[in-house]
Structure formats: structure tokens, C-alpha cells
Amino acid sequence: MTFQNPQQDVIKGYLADAKNIAVVGLSDNPDKTSYRIAALLQDHGYKVFPVNPTKVGQTILGEPVVAKLTDLTEPIDVVDIFRRSEFLPAVAEEFIQTNAKVFWAQLGLENDEAAAILANAGRHDVVMNRCIKIELAR
């Protein structure tokens, strides 16, 4: 299976409809891309939910950090992932245990196994190897 992203208008719709975005792998370092993107998402009016098991008990960008997606109690529209491609299948397995709507792997991140896991679970709202910041600017 070779993964293909949805059409541009579908991706635009995901972002237009979203309110809550979980950021998996969010760093507390302002120099890191994940931090800068999450701050930009907040600037665009999204509520950001940090997911990072090494930062539990802390806050990042004013929001409490949880260890995993299944720890979140609010509905999540987009899960924006900043983990290396080889970790995407594990994130996909966790994602399908939630009611989150869109699985989004950042620019440079793609994994056919993760895409298959999601497809087999009937979860087809998937974006990989695309930067949410670039998509917001379109």
C-alpha cells in the first residue's frame, strides 16, 4: 500500500472545521519546530493539547501535558504528530482508541504501516508528510 493524501480542499476542510488539536511529541523548547507550530496553532485560535510522556505534570504553552492520546478528555479534531516515522504505527494504534477525527503526520513523516492500521480500522481522515503551518497559509 502506498499512502496518498486527500485532495487539497479536503485538507483545507479539516483545518477549517477543527477547534481542538492534540500535538503528539510537543517539546517545551521554544526553538523546536513542534513548539513553534503549536504556538502558531494557538495564534490561529485552536486549542492545543500537549501529548508527551516525558513532560507529564508540566504545562507547555499554558496547557497541561498528558502522556498519551487516550488520556485526553475533550474531543480532538486533529492529532498533529511530531514523532519519527517509525513511531507512527504505535501512534496510529493509540489514535484508533480515541474519537479524534484526523491523523496528521508533519512534513517528512510518513509510514505505510500506520496508514494500513488506520484504514483497517475505518479511519480514513489521514494526512502525512504535510506541514500544518504551510496548509494554514494556503
Protein backbone atom coordinates (compact mmCIF):
# COMPACT_ATOMS: atom_id res chain seq x y z
CA MET A 1 0.00 0.00 0.00
CA THR A 2 1.30 3.43 -0.89
CA PHE A 3 -0.31 6.19 1.09
CA GLN A 4 -1.84 9.16 -0.72
CA ASN A 5 -3.02 12.35 0.96
CA PRO A 6 -6.55 13.63 0.48
CA GLN A 7 -7.26 16.37 -2.04
CA GLN A 8 -6.30 19.92 -1.04
CA ASP A 9 -9.91 21.00 -0.48
CA VAL A 10 -10.40 18.13 1.99
CA ILE A 11 -7.26 19.12 3.92
CA LYS A 12 -8.46 22.72 3.97
CA GLY A 13 -11.79 21.49 5.35
CA TYR A 14 -10.08 19.59 8.16
CA LEU A 15 -8.40 22.79 9.33
CA ALA A 16 -11.50 24.95 8.85
CA ASP A 17 -13.64 22.59 10.95
CA ALA A 18 -11.07 21.95 13.70
CA LYS A 19 -11.09 23.60 17.09
CA ASN A 20 -9.02 21.22 19.25
CA ILE A 21 -5.62 19.94 18.14
CA ALA A 22 -3.57 17.41 20.09
CA VAL A 23 0.15 17.75 19.42
CA VAL A 24 1.97 14.45 19.93
CA GLY A 25 5.64 14.93 20.72
CA LEU A 26 5.25 18.59 21.66
CA SER A 27 8.52 19.94 23.07
CA ASP A 28 8.80 22.56 25.78
CA ASN A 29 11.81 24.04 23.94
CA PRO A 30 10.77 27.23 22.08
CA ASP A 31 13.46 26.55 19.47
CA LYS A 32 11.89 23.24 18.42
CA THR A 33 9.57 23.05 15.44
CA SER A 34 6.80 21.33 17.41
CA TYR A 35 6.72 24.21 19.91
CA ARG A 36 6.70 26.88 17.20
CA ILE A 37 3.91 25.13 15.25
CA ALA A 38 1.80 24.63 18.40
CA ALA A 39 2.21 28.33 19.28
CA LEU A 40 1.14 29.23 15.74
CA LEU A 41 -1.92 26.98 16.10
CA GLN A 42 -2.84 28.83 19.29
CA ASP A 43 -2.38 32.14 17.47
CA HIS A 44 -4.86 30.87 14.86
CA GLY A 45 -7.44 30.22 17.59
CA TYR A 46 -7.03 26.48 18.03
CA LYS A 47 -6.89 24.94 21.49
CA VAL A 48 -3.70 22.87 21.74
CA PHE A 49 -3.41 19.72 23.83
CA PRO A 50 0.23 18.70 24.51
CA VAL A 51 0.94 14.95 24.42
CA ASN A 52 4.40 13.97 25.63
CA PRO A 53 5.04 11.21 28.18
CA THR A 54 8.35 12.77 29.26
CA LYS A 55 6.65 16.08 30.20
CA VAL A 56 3.59 14.87 32.14
CA GLY A 57 2.82 17.14 35.07
CA GLN A 58 4.18 20.17 33.28
CA THR A 59 2.47 22.76 31.12
CA ILE A 60 3.54 23.70 27.63
CA LEU A 61 2.15 26.87 26.06
CA GLY A 62 -0.10 27.18 29.11
CA GLU A 63 -1.70 23.77 28.65
CA PRO A 64 -1.28 20.67 30.85
CA VAL A 65 0.69 17.83 29.27
CA VAL A 66 -0.73 14.30 29.07
CA ALA A 67 1.20 11.09 28.42
CA LYS A 68 -0.95 9.69 25.61
CA LEU A 69 -3.90 10.48 23.38
CA THR A 70 -6.21 8.24 25.39
CA ASP A 71 -5.60 10.48 28.44
CA LEU A 72 -7.37 13.41 26.76
CA THR A 73 -10.94 14.02 27.92
CA GLU A 74 -12.01 16.70 25.44
CA PRO A 75 -12.95 15.92 21.83
CA ILE A 76 -9.97 16.19 19.48
CA ASP A 77 -10.38 17.26 15.87
CA VAL A 78 -6.79 16.86 14.65
CA VAL A 79 -3.87 14.90 16.07
CA ASP A 80 -0.72 16.63 14.82
CA ILE A 81 2.26 14.29 15.19
CA PHE A 82 5.89 15.21 15.72
CA ARG A 83 7.36 11.73 16.18
CA ARG A 84 9.72 9.96 13.79
CA SER A 85 8.10 7.91 11.03
CA GLU A 86 8.95 4.58 12.65
CA PHE A 87 6.77 5.57 15.63
CA LEU A 88 3.69 6.36 13.51
CA PRO A 89 2.23 2.80 13.69
CA ALA A 90 2.20 3.00 17.51
CA VAL A 91 0.58 6.44 17.36
CA ALA A 92 -1.97 5.07 14.86
CA GLU A 93 -2.82 2.21 17.26
CA GLU A 94 -3.42 4.74 20.03
CA PHE A 95 -5.33 7.08 17.70
CA ILE A 96 -7.88 4.39 16.80
CA GLN A 97 -8.69 4.01 20.51
CA THR A 98 -9.93 7.62 20.54
CA ASN A 99 -12.67 9.60 18.84
CA ALA A 100 -10.13 12.00 17.31
CA LYS A 101 -11.07 12.86 13.75
CA VAL A 102 -7.87 13.49 11.75
CA PHE A 103 -4.48 11.78 11.99
CA TRP A 104 -1.85 14.28 10.76
CA ALA A 105 1.87 13.46 10.49
CA GLN A 106 4.05 16.52 9.95
CA LEU A 107 6.31 17.25 6.99
CA GLY A 108 8.86 14.48 6.45
CA LEU A 109 6.81 11.90 8.36
CA GLU A 110 5.05 9.07 6.55
CA ASN A 111 4.51 5.38 7.21
CA ASP A 112 2.51 2.90 5.11
CA GLU A 113 2.05 0.55 8.07
CA ALA A 114 0.40 3.34 10.04
CA ALA A 115 -1.82 4.15 7.04
CA ALA A 116 -2.85 0.48 6.83
CA ILE A 117 -3.64 0.34 10.56
CA LEU A 118 -5.85 3.40 10.21
CA ALA A 119 -7.54 2.16 7.01
CA ASN A 120 -8.23 -1.26 8.53
CA ALA A 121 -9.91 0.49 11.47
CA GLY A 122 -12.07 2.53 9.07
CA ARG A 123 -10.21 5.73 9.87
CA HIS A 124 -9.60 7.43 6.53
CA ASP A 125 -9.08 11.06 7.56
CA VAL A 126 -5.30 10.88 7.35
CA VAL A 127 -2.68 13.41 6.27
CA MET A 128 1.03 12.60 6.19
CA ASN A 129 4.17 14.43 5.15
CA ARG A 130 2.41 17.79 5.18
CA CYS A 131 3.13 20.80 7.38
CA ILE A 132 0.07 22.16 9.12
CA LYS A 133 1.64 25.65 9.11
CA ILE A 134 2.04 25.58 5.33
CA GLU A 135 -1.51 24.28 4.92
CA LEU A 136 -2.89 27.06 7.12
CA ALA A 137 -1.13 29.62 4.95
CA ARG A 138 -2.77 28.32 1.74
